[in-house]
Structures are given as C-alpha cells and as structure tokens.
Amino acid sequence: MNTPRTLPFAPFVPRICVIDDNPVVGVRMQKLLNTRGFRNVTVFRSAWPALQACHYRLPDLVLVDYGMPQIDGIRFIEALRHYPPARTLPIVMFTGQSLEALRPRAMEAGASDVLSKDLTGEELLRRVKSLLSAAQAPFEMAAPSLAAPVLDRVLLADAGREGPASHGGWGLLAQYEQKAEITDEDESMLRHLSRIASLRDRNTGQHTERMAYYAAVIGRRYGLSLTQAQMLVAAAPLHDIGKVGVPDAVLHKSGSLDDDERTLMRRHPALGFELLRDSSSAVIRLGAEISLSHHERFDGSGYPQGLRGHEIPLSGRLVAVADVLDALSTERPYKAAWPLHLAIREISAQAGTHFDPAVVSALTDASDQLLTIKQYFEMAEPFAKTTPMTLI
C-alpha cells in the first residue's frame, strides 16, 4: 500500500424514521428501503414514541403518515420542528388524501415535501435519495476538505509524536513502516473471515471495526506510520477469530465460567494463530500475531504464553488497550456503557500491570480522535433503541 486507500469498514448508513399506524404500510416501506441499501430504518406505529426517539438521537430523514390517531402527521411535524436540532431535518409527509388540500398546511408546519401513498416505489426511492443528498450538501460546501471518509481523516491526522529510534518489540509491524500491500484477494479473505467470526460470536460486527480504528489511532500517537496504522485497521478485526473453535455452550454462556470452561475459552488466541499463521498474506499474518498476543499482560500474567513487557508484539499491546476501551465504553447485555473519559481513566489505572504504559500514554493523548471514532460508529447504529417492526 504505497498511498492511503479507503479501507472496507464501517460505511455510513443514513438513519431513517418511518411513522405509520398501519403496520402493513410501515413494513412495506421498511422492506423497500432495505432492499435498496437503506438498512437503518426504524418503524413506529404512533407519533409520540417517534418524537421521543428523535429527541434521543436525531435521524437523517423522517417519513410520516398524515392520518394517524391522537397526533396526526402535521402536528407531529410542528412538534418536531420545535426541537432546534431538527429544524433542518428532511421530513416527508405521505397521505392517501388529496395532496392539494393538505400540502399548504403541511408545508407551513415545516414539511420538506408531501407525497401520495400511491407513489411508486422507484419514485419514493428517488425522493429519499434527493432529500438525503440535499441535506448533506450545505455541510460539504462549507467544508470541502471533509470529502474524505471521516475515519481515514482521523488516521491521516498528525501522529503527534516522532517515530521511535528503534523498532524493538514491534513484531511484524516493524516490516510495514514505509510499504505494505493489501490486495483485492486480501480484502475478500478478510471479509469472509469476519463473516465467519460474526456467525459464532454475537459481540463482533461494529465492535471489531471500531476497536480496530481505536488501535490504529492509538498506534499513530505511539509512533506508527500511516501505512502501519492502515495494516493494523485491516488485521485487528481478526483478534478473536479463534473463538470459532470454542464450544457454543462456553462462548454463549450467560453466567460465570467455571475453571474448565475458562481453560477452553483461553484457547482461542492460540487457535486463531494456528488458523492464520501460514497465510501468504502479510495482513493475515499480522492478524495471527494479534490473535496470539492480545490477551498477554504487560506484567507477564496474561495468556497464552505469559509474555511480559516488549516481549509482547506492539500490535498485541495496542489491541489489548483498544479491545478493553471498546468493551468498557459500549453497552453490553450485562452493563451500561461507560463514558469514554471514564473508560480511559480505568485503563490508565492499569498501566504497567495489564497495559504498556507507553501505549496508555498514547491512548490519553488521542482521546479527542477516539471520541470522533466512537461518534462516527454511533451514526451507523439505529437512531433509537427500538426494535424495528417485522412481518409475522
């Protein structure tokens, strides 16, 4: 990789809110949007829960029916427009009634457009795309330098430190300071491996992608070149690939593991290493190194090899910090998400025991960029903690 390239992770997915008291209409609209790439669609059957959800996390587009009980579409639009962040939000009202009679009232309330329910699917999709593009245009015109993907801009930012005098303890990353190669075949294999991992472990997906960027940004502060950081972004999601060899009863157990189960779980770093180690791909061999080393601890009390200090490859030391940062700062079934600054404080308290103090120092230096990454991935989540409607 001689020049920066966009990596195949975390595309932006617009958040769309559909409100219709008729579940058949809502589901049809959701399925239509899903089939055309709009995968982040949440459907509500009444206006009040939708208003609450929009205040919790603003969507990128709202499609609201006019004829709903209690709060109709026009009153919904008026209420939402009173919320300052929603004053420029694209809001489309659709109706089975006469457009001529409703359009003036809806536009006065703040609708961006009024459409007939008789509209074809293709016409609706064209209007949705047009409104989303128009909503993004002022932002792009005001800041043309933001045309590059957000995550790539974070990696392109000043590393903040000069590179180290030597690469002692850097492991495979030392080989990629100036030049590395991620081929189309590598990217295809990475996607397949990630898909296999996601089928076995419900905690993959955004966790692995977000964690990979955390590791790369911390690495840039530590002294990684851009090429090394990009290799780390590509390889880090393979850190838990060895869990494909852990029995379901252990991997998905809701309670505490007993000693035998813990022994089985602790096999996954070595299993991942054995799975990846003989690859001809440089990025997958880096993934093997990460898999084997990311549960080692700086004081030598980790596993599977009990390495200490700089015996642990740098890739493993970086992913160890990024993995715990993401686990602490995101919601899990058994805990609430910690604010990012508290997660960083907790990790800092373990510098020198669990974590490399120099990597922890880079973590604290990169806190602003880490917050940018966290917010970016939140944009790709459903805009409200509401289960979308599904066909029964």
Protein backbone atom coordinates (compact mmCIF):
# COMPACT_ATOMS: atom_id res chain seq x y z
CA MET A 1 0.00 0.00 0.00
CA ASN A 2 2.08 2.97 -1.26
CA THR A 3 -0.69 5.54 -0.92
CA PRO A 4 -3.59 5.79 1.51
CA ARG A 5 -6.63 3.88 0.43
CA THR A 6 -10.13 3.67 1.77
CA LEU A 7 -10.49 0.51 3.83
CA PRO A 8 -13.61 -1.69 3.61
CA PHE A 9 -15.02 -0.97 7.06
CA ALA A 10 -17.90 0.97 8.65
CA PRO A 11 -19.72 2.66 5.77
CA PHE A 12 -22.05 5.47 6.77
CA VAL A 13 -25.68 4.28 6.83
CA PRO A 14 -28.39 7.01 6.94
CA ARG A 15 -30.86 6.66 9.80
CA ILE A 16 -34.46 6.77 8.53
CA CYS A 17 -37.57 7.00 10.72
CA VAL A 18 -40.90 5.75 9.31
CA ILE A 19 -44.14 6.52 11.20
CA ASP A 20 -47.41 4.92 10.13
CA ASP A 21 -50.19 3.45 12.26
CA ASN A 22 -50.83 0.82 9.56
CA PRO A 23 -48.25 -1.94 10.21
CA VAL A 24 -48.53 -3.29 6.67
CA VAL A 25 -47.58 0.08 5.16
CA GLY A 26 -44.74 0.56 7.62
CA VAL A 27 -43.25 -2.85 6.95
CA ARG A 28 -43.57 -2.49 3.18
CA MET A 29 -41.77 0.84 3.28
CA GLN A 30 -39.06 -0.58 5.51
CA LYS A 31 -38.52 -3.59 3.22
CA LEU A 32 -38.43 -1.35 0.13
CA LEU A 33 -35.77 0.88 1.68
CA ASN A 34 -33.80 -2.12 2.96
CA THR A 35 -33.63 -3.69 -0.48
CA ARG A 36 -32.08 -0.51 -1.91
CA GLY A 37 -29.31 -0.24 0.66
CA PHE A 38 -31.06 1.81 3.35
CA ARG A 39 -30.56 -0.77 6.10
CA ASN A 40 -31.01 1.52 9.13
CA VAL A 41 -34.80 2.01 9.07
CA THR A 42 -36.88 2.09 12.25
CA VAL A 43 -40.68 1.92 12.08
CA PHE A 44 -43.09 3.41 14.63
CA ARG A 45 -46.86 2.93 14.75
CA SER A 46 -47.61 6.20 16.55
CA ALA A 47 -46.18 9.69 16.73
CA TRP A 48 -45.35 10.06 20.43
CA PRO A 49 -42.73 7.27 20.70
CA ALA A 50 -41.21 8.54 17.44
CA LEU A 51 -40.90 12.07 18.86
CA GLN A 52 -39.16 10.70 21.95
CA ALA A 53 -36.79 8.66 19.77
CA CYS A 54 -35.93 11.68 17.60
CA HIS A 55 -35.03 13.66 20.71
CA TYR A 56 -32.86 10.78 21.91
CA ARG A 57 -30.96 10.52 18.62
CA LEU A 58 -31.87 12.54 15.56
CA PRO A 59 -32.40 10.55 12.35
CA ASP A 60 -31.28 11.71 8.91
CA LEU A 61 -34.76 11.53 7.35
CA VAL A 62 -38.34 11.18 8.61
CA LEU A 63 -41.24 9.71 6.60
CA VAL A 64 -44.53 10.30 8.45
CA ASP A 65 -48.13 9.41 7.62
CA TYR A 66 -50.76 12.15 7.89
CA GLY A 67 -53.77 10.17 9.07
CA MET A 68 -52.73 8.87 12.50
CA PRO A 69 -54.81 8.88 15.73
CA GLN A 70 -54.05 11.31 18.58
CA ILE A 71 -51.17 13.12 16.86
CA ASP A 72 -51.52 13.37 13.10
CA GLY A 73 -48.67 13.95 10.68
CA ILE A 74 -48.96 17.75 10.65
CA ARG A 75 -48.97 18.03 14.43
CA PHE A 76 -46.01 15.67 14.57
CA ILE A 77 -44.04 17.88 12.15
CA GLU A 78 -44.89 21.01 14.15
CA ALA A 79 -43.77 19.35 17.38
CA LEU A 80 -40.52 18.04 15.90
CA ARG A 81 -39.64 21.40 14.32
CA HIS A 82 -39.77 22.99 17.79
CA TYR A 83 -36.71 20.87 18.66
CA PRO A 84 -33.77 23.07 17.49
CA PRO A 85 -31.53 20.27 16.08
CA ALA A 86 -34.47 19.12 13.90
CA ARG A 87 -35.15 22.46 12.22
CA THR A 88 -33.27 21.47 9.04
CA LEU A 89 -34.10 17.75 9.19
CA PRO A 90 -35.75 16.43 5.98
CA ILE A 91 -39.34 15.44 6.88
CA VAL A 92 -41.69 13.95 4.28
CA MET A 93 -45.40 13.55 4.96
CA PHE A 94 -47.27 10.98 2.90
CA THR A 95 -51.03 10.61 2.63
CA GLY A 96 -53.84 8.82 0.85
CA GLN A 97 -55.91 12.02 0.86
CA SER A 98 -55.90 14.93 -1.57
CA LEU A 99 -52.44 16.50 -1.89
CA GLU A 100 -53.93 19.84 -2.91
CA ALA A 101 -55.81 20.16 0.36
CA LEU A 102 -53.01 19.01 2.67
CA ARG A 103 -49.84 20.33 1.02
CA PRO A 104 -50.19 24.01 2.09
CA ARG A 105 -50.85 23.06 5.73
CA ALA A 106 -48.04 20.52 5.80
CA MET A 107 -45.50 22.87 4.22
CA GLU A 108 -46.48 25.62 6.65
CA ALA A 109 -45.92 23.19 9.54
CA GLY A 110 -42.42 22.51 8.25
CA ALA A 111 -42.67 19.52 5.90
CA SER A 112 -39.91 19.21 3.32
CA ASP A 113 -42.32 17.53 0.91
CA VAL A 114 -45.76 15.90 0.77
CA LEU A 115 -46.16 12.69 -1.22
CA SER A 116 -49.07 10.49 -2.17
CA LYS A 117 -49.27 6.94 -0.89
CA ASP A 118 -49.97 5.99 -4.50
CA LEU A 119 -46.37 6.89 -5.36
CA THR A 120 -44.40 4.04 -6.90
CA GLY A 121 -41.51 2.53 -5.01
CA GLU A 122 -38.99 3.87 -7.52
CA GLU A 123 -40.37 7.40 -7.21
CA LEU A 124 -40.20 7.21 -3.41
CA LEU A 125 -36.59 6.00 -3.52
CA ARG A 126 -35.58 8.82 -5.87
CA ARG A 127 -37.14 11.36 -3.50
CA VAL A 128 -35.45 9.83 -0.46
CA LYS A 129 -32.05 9.93 -2.16
CA SER A 130 -32.60 13.51 -3.31
CA LEU A 131 -33.56 14.73 0.18
CA LEU A 132 -30.62 12.98 1.83
CA SER A 133 -28.20 14.44 -0.73
CA ALA A 134 -29.65 17.94 -0.33
CA ALA A 135 -29.36 17.69 3.45
CA GLN A 136 -25.66 16.82 3.20
CA ALA A 137 -24.80 19.40 0.51
CA PRO A 138 -24.50 22.51 2.76
CA PHE A 139 -22.14 20.63 5.06
CA GLU A 140 -19.96 19.53 2.16
CA MET A 141 -19.94 23.05 0.63
CA ALA A 142 -18.98 24.64 3.94
CA ALA A 143 -16.12 22.23 4.47
CA PRO A 144 -14.86 20.74 1.20
CA SER A 145 -11.88 19.20 3.00
CA LEU A 146 -14.33 16.82 4.68
CA ALA A 147 -14.93 14.94 1.46
CA ALA A 148 -12.54 12.18 2.59
CA PRO A 149 -14.09 9.49 4.82
CA VAL A 150 -14.16 10.50 8.48
CA LEU A 151 -12.18 7.52 9.66
CA ASP A 152 -9.47 7.97 7.04
CA ARG A 153 -9.14 11.63 8.09
CA VAL A 154 -8.57 10.52 11.67
CA LEU A 155 -5.72 8.27 10.55
CA LEU A 156 -4.29 10.99 8.32
CA ALA A 157 -4.10 13.41 11.26
CA ASP A 158 -0.71 14.33 12.68
CA ALA A 159 0.56 11.33 14.60
CA GLY A 160 1.53 13.65 17.45
CA ARG A 161 4.89 12.05 18.13
CA GLU A 162 8.07 11.33 16.25
CA GLY A 163 8.66 7.71 15.36
CA PRO A 164 10.84 5.70 17.73
CA ALA A 165 14.58 5.42 17.30
CA SER A 166 14.29 1.63 17.09
CA HIS A 167 11.56 -0.91 16.47
CA GLY A 168 12.33 -3.17 19.42
CA GLY A 169 9.21 -5.06 20.43
CA TRP A 170 7.28 -4.00 17.34
CA GLY A 171 6.90 -7.50 15.90
CA LEU A 172 5.52 -7.68 12.37
CA LEU A 173 4.51 -4.00 12.34
CA ALA A 174 8.19 -3.07 12.02
CA GLN A 175 8.16 -4.52 8.49
CA TYR A 176 5.44 -2.15 7.26
CA GLU A 177 6.81 1.30 8.11
CA GLN A 178 7.02 2.52 4.52
CA LYS A 179 5.37 -0.06 2.32
CA ALA A 180 2.74 -2.77 2.63
CA GLU A 181 0.29 -4.41 0.32
CA ILE A 182 -3.38 -5.20 0.85
CA THR A 183 -4.61 -6.89 -2.31
CA ASP A 184 -8.16 -7.43 -3.50
CA GLU A 185 -7.72 -11.08 -2.53
CA ASP A 186 -6.71 -10.00 0.99
CA GLU A 187 -9.80 -7.82 1.32
CA SER A 188 -12.03 -10.65 0.12
CA MET A 189 -10.48 -13.06 2.61
CA LEU A 190 -10.79 -10.51 5.44
CA ARG A 191 -14.49 -10.10 4.70
CA HIS A 192 -15.03 -13.87 4.71
CA LEU A 193 -13.13 -14.35 7.96
CA SER A 194 -15.06 -11.51 9.60
CA ARG A 195 -18.33 -13.08 8.46
CA ILE A 196 -17.31 -16.46 9.90
CA ALA A 197 -16.42 -14.83 13.22
CA SER A 198 -19.73 -12.93 13.35
CA LEU A 199 -21.68 -16.17 12.90
CA ARG A 200 -20.06 -17.58 16.03
CA ASP A 201 -19.84 -14.55 18.32
CA ARG A 202 -22.70 -12.08 18.68
CA ASN A 203 -20.29 -9.44 20.04
CA THR A 204 -18.46 -8.98 16.72
CA GLY A 205 -19.58 -6.63 13.93
CA GLN A 206 -19.15 -2.99 14.88
CA HIS A 207 -17.07 -3.94 17.92
CA THR A 208 -14.26 -5.34 15.79
CA GLU A 209 -14.29 -2.44 13.32
CA ARG A 210 -14.48 0.28 15.97
CA MET A 211 -11.80 -1.43 18.06
CA ALA A 212 -9.51 -1.67 15.02
CA TYR A 213 -9.68 2.09 14.46
CA TYR A 214 -9.12 2.73 18.16
CA ALA A 215 -5.98 0.60 17.97
CA ALA A 216 -4.74 2.38 14.84
CA VAL A 217 -5.29 5.89 16.22
CA ILE A 218 -3.56 4.97 19.49
CA GLY A 219 -0.79 3.48 17.36
CA ARG A 220 -0.41 6.71 15.41
CA ARG A 221 0.10 8.57 18.68
CA TYR A 222 2.59 5.91 19.72
CA GLY A 223 4.57 6.44 16.50
CA LEU A 224 3.12 4.21 13.78
CA SER A 225 3.38 5.39 10.21
CA LEU A 226 0.17 5.77 8.22
CA THR A 227 0.92 2.53 6.38
CA GLN A 228 1.39 0.64 9.64
CA ALA A 229 -1.85 2.09 11.02
CA GLN A 230 -3.76 1.01 7.92
CA MET A 231 -2.37 -2.51 8.22
CA LEU A 232 -3.49 -2.57 11.84
CA VAL A 233 -7.03 -1.45 10.90
CA ALA A 234 -7.25 -4.31 8.43
CA ALA A 235 -5.75 -7.01 10.67
CA ALA A 236 -7.08 -6.16 14.14
CA PRO A 237 -10.66 -7.41 13.50
CA LEU A 238 -9.17 -10.93 13.34
CA HIS A 239 -8.13 -10.78 17.02
CA ASP A 240 -10.89 -13.14 18.22
CA ILE A 241 -11.14 -15.38 15.13
CA GLY A 242 -10.02 -18.30 17.32
CA LYS A 243 -13.42 -18.25 19.05
CA VAL A 244 -14.72 -20.28 16.11
CA GLY A 245 -13.10 -23.21 17.94
CA VAL A 246 -14.74 -22.54 21.30
CA PRO A 247 -17.87 -24.63 22.06
CA ASP A 248 -21.17 -22.75 21.89
CA ALA A 249 -22.03 -23.73 25.45
CA VAL A 250 -18.92 -21.86 26.64
CA LEU A 251 -18.89 -18.99 24.16
CA HIS A 252 -22.53 -18.02 24.76
CA LYS A 253 -22.82 -18.86 28.46
CA SER A 254 -24.59 -16.03 30.27
CA GLY A 255 -23.14 -16.74 33.72
CA SER A 256 -19.59 -17.03 35.01
CA LEU A 257 -17.32 -19.67 33.50
CA ASP A 258 -16.03 -22.49 35.67
CA ASP A 259 -12.35 -23.48 35.63
CA ASP A 260 -12.71 -26.00 32.80
CA GLU A 261 -14.75 -23.58 30.69
CA ARG A 262 -12.26 -20.81 31.31
CA THR A 263 -9.48 -23.10 30.09
CA LEU A 264 -11.44 -23.76 26.90
CA MET A 265 -12.07 -20.03 26.36
CA ARG A 266 -8.40 -19.23 26.87
CA ARG A 267 -7.52 -21.48 23.95
CA HIS A 268 -8.92 -19.01 21.43
CA PRO A 269 -5.76 -16.87 20.97
CA ALA A 270 -3.69 -19.92 20.03
CA LEU A 271 -6.48 -21.34 17.88
CA GLY A 272 -6.66 -18.09 15.94
CA PHE A 273 -2.89 -18.06 15.49
CA GLU A 274 -2.89 -21.61 14.14
CA LEU A 275 -5.72 -20.73 11.75
CA LEU A 276 -3.94 -17.70 10.27
CA ARG A 277 -0.19 -18.22 10.71
CA ASP A 278 0.64 -19.93 7.41
CA SER A 279 -1.16 -17.44 5.16
CA SER A 280 0.78 -15.94 2.26
CA SER A 281 -0.94 -12.62 3.04
CA ALA A 282 1.03 -10.11 5.13
CA VAL A 283 -2.11 -8.62 6.66
CA ILE A 284 -3.47 -12.02 7.69
CA ARG A 285 -0.12 -12.98 9.23
CA LEU A 286 -0.35 -9.74 11.22
CA GLY A 287 -3.82 -10.90 12.28
CA ALA A 288 -2.25 -14.15 13.51
CA GLU A 289 0.23 -12.18 15.63
CA ILE A 290 -2.58 -10.08 17.10
CA SER A 291 -4.71 -13.14 17.84
CA LEU A 292 -1.89 -14.83 19.76
CA SER A 293 -0.78 -11.79 21.76
CA HIS A 294 -3.78 -9.57 22.58
CA HIS A 295 -4.52 -11.31 25.91
CA GLU A 296 -0.94 -11.04 27.16
CA ARG A 297 -0.40 -8.58 30.03
CA PHE A 298 2.50 -6.19 30.43
CA ASP A 299 3.46 -7.69 33.82
CA GLY A 300 3.60 -11.24 32.41
CA SER A 301 0.37 -12.51 33.99
CA GLY A 302 -1.55 -12.86 30.72
CA TYR A 303 -2.06 -15.80 28.38
CA PRO A 304 -1.37 -17.97 26.41
CA GLN A 305 2.42 -17.54 26.63
CA GLY A 306 2.89 -15.38 29.71
CA LEU A 307 4.92 -12.79 27.78
CA ARG A 308 5.89 -9.57 29.55
CA GLY A 309 6.86 -6.04 28.52
CA HIS A 310 8.21 -5.70 25.00
CA GLU A 311 8.21 -9.45 24.53
CA ILE A 312 4.59 -8.81 23.56
CA PRO A 313 4.41 -7.58 19.94
CA LEU A 314 3.29 -3.97 19.62
CA SER A 315 0.20 -5.00 17.66
CA GLY A 316 -0.95 -7.09 20.62
CA ARG A 317 -0.24 -4.31 23.13
CA LEU A 318 -2.25 -1.82 21.06
CA VAL A 319 -5.21 -4.16 20.51
CA ALA A 320 -5.25 -5.11 24.21
CA VAL A 321 -5.90 -1.47 25.11
CA ALA A 322 -8.35 -0.84 22.25
CA ASP A 323 -10.31 -4.02 22.99
CA VAL A 324 -10.86 -3.10 26.64
CA LEU A 325 -11.63 0.52 25.73
CA ASP A 326 -14.41 -0.59 23.42
CA ALA A 327 -15.76 -3.15 25.88
CA LEU A 328 -15.99 -0.53 28.64
CA SER A 329 -17.43 2.28 26.51
CA THR A 330 -20.20 0.35 24.75
CA GLU A 331 -23.39 -1.12 26.13
CA ARG A 332 -23.46 -4.84 26.77
CA PRO A 333 -26.34 -7.05 27.98
CA TYR A 334 -24.81 -7.10 31.46
CA LYS A 335 -23.76 -3.43 31.80
CA ALA A 336 -24.33 0.14 30.67
CA ALA A 337 -21.80 1.96 28.50
CA TRP A 338 -19.12 3.92 30.37
CA PRO A 339 -18.37 7.47 29.21
CA LEU A 340 -15.17 7.42 27.16
CA HIS A 341 -13.19 9.53 29.66
CA LEU A 342 -14.02 7.10 32.50
CA ALA A 343 -13.01 4.13 30.37
CA ILE A 344 -9.67 5.83 29.64
CA ARG A 345 -9.22 6.55 33.35
CA GLU A 346 -9.84 2.88 34.22
CA ILE A 347 -7.30 1.71 31.63
CA SER A 348 -4.76 4.29 32.86
CA ALA A 349 -5.05 2.84 36.36
CA GLN A 350 -3.78 -0.47 34.97
CA ALA A 351 -0.74 0.93 33.17
CA GLY A 352 2.30 -1.18 33.99
CA THR A 353 0.28 -4.19 35.09
CA HIS A 354 -2.23 -5.07 32.39
CA PHE A 355 -1.16 -2.50 29.80
CA ASP A 356 2.02 -0.99 28.34
CA PRO A 357 2.44 2.45 30.00
CA ALA A 358 3.64 3.98 26.71
CA VAL A 359 0.55 2.72 24.88
CA VAL A 360 -1.67 4.06 27.69
CA SER A 361 0.05 7.44 27.35
CA ALA A 362 -0.71 7.39 23.62
CA LEU A 363 -4.31 6.49 24.47
CA THR A 364 -4.77 9.58 26.65
CA ASP A 365 -3.12 11.79 24.00
CA ALA A 366 -5.57 10.50 21.36
CA SER A 367 -8.76 10.97 23.40
CA ASP A 368 -10.29 13.55 21.03
CA GLN A 369 -9.75 11.35 17.98
CA LEU A 370 -11.10 8.32 19.83
CA LEU A 371 -14.27 10.26 20.61
CA THR A 372 -14.62 11.10 16.90
CA ILE A 373 -14.43 7.40 16.04
CA LYS A 374 -16.99 6.49 18.71
CA GLN A 375 -19.42 9.14 17.44
CA TYR A 376 -18.94 8.02 13.85
CA PHE A 377 -19.93 4.46 14.64
CA GLU A 378 -22.91 5.67 16.67
CA MET A 379 -24.18 7.32 13.48
CA ALA A 380 -24.34 3.90 11.87
CA GLU A 381 -26.42 2.43 14.71
CA PRO A 382 -30.23 2.60 14.82
CA PHE A 383 -31.11 6.14 15.85
CA ALA A 384 -33.25 4.84 18.72
CA LYS A 385 -33.17 1.75 20.88
CA THR A 386 -36.34 0.46 19.25
CA THR A 387 -36.79 -2.92 17.63
CA PRO A 388 -37.92 -2.40 14.01
CA MET A 389 -41.21 -4.00 13.05
CA THR A 390 -41.00 -7.30 11.22
CA LEU A 391 -43.51 -9.35 9.27
CA ILE A 392 -45.22 -12.04 11.32
